[in-house]
Amino acid sequence: MNTTAATTSAIAHAPGLRRAARDIVVLTRRNLLHTVRLPGVLLVSSIMPVVFIVMFTYVFGGAVQTALPPATGGKYVNWLVPGLLAQFALFGGAGTASGLADDLAKGTIDRFRSLPMSRVAVLAGRTFSDLARSTGTLTLMAGVGFLIGFRWQTSFLGLVAGVAVALSFGYAWSWAMAVLGLLVRTAEAVQAAVYIVVFPLGFTSAVFVPAQSMPHGFNPSPPTNPSP
């Protein structure tokens, strides 16, 4: 009896799960196409990570080099690039919040609600599309890092695992930013609210300089942040 009931329940839910998966794929594709059709946004989001890597490597590299731990191989770029990968995975949540706020302001989400589609697809499609964009951004950053001298000091699998952790963290953070986008509702207010949260998390960390060089009051923060 219990086995029959469980089987019946699974059959009843299967079409709903398939429909939800299909809706998520459709909305993920829709969000990615929207990004591609905004070349200005695409260009800026591609240039900014490159500027960060090049600028901080050559501005801070000489001053910080002597304070680096042996694991960096004596090169500041080996310290900087992993931290920036984590930081830009964090910054990717800003796109989630502003995208949802923009859809709310334009009435797009209201139109989605009137359609026979899965409710979770709106949020999942947005977060998956932003995960795809973050993957592209982090790949670009790693490529630029290699060009200016970055070399991993662990195994290749360790490098891949580190990038996967950064992307997983960024994906989880994008859900928190999705809630913020739904609550704040206007793109302008979302941008201000996101950076009030993201900038302290990103910059009071050991991304740019070792934690030992910071004032005593900041020492508890960097070890708890997901960056080197």
Foldseek 3Di string as FASTA:
>chain_A
DVVVVVVVVCVVCVVVVVQQVVLLVVLLVVVLVVCVVCVVNVVVLQVVLLCVLVVLQVPCFVVFQVVDDCLQVSGQLQLQLLLSLLLVLQVLLLQLLLVLLVCLVVCVVVVVVVDPGDPCSNNSSSLVNSLVVSVVNSVSSVVSSVVVPHDHSDDPVVVVVSSVVSSVVSSVSSSVSNVVSVVVNHNVVSNVVSCVPSVVLSPLEPNRHHLVPDPPVSNVRHVVHSGD
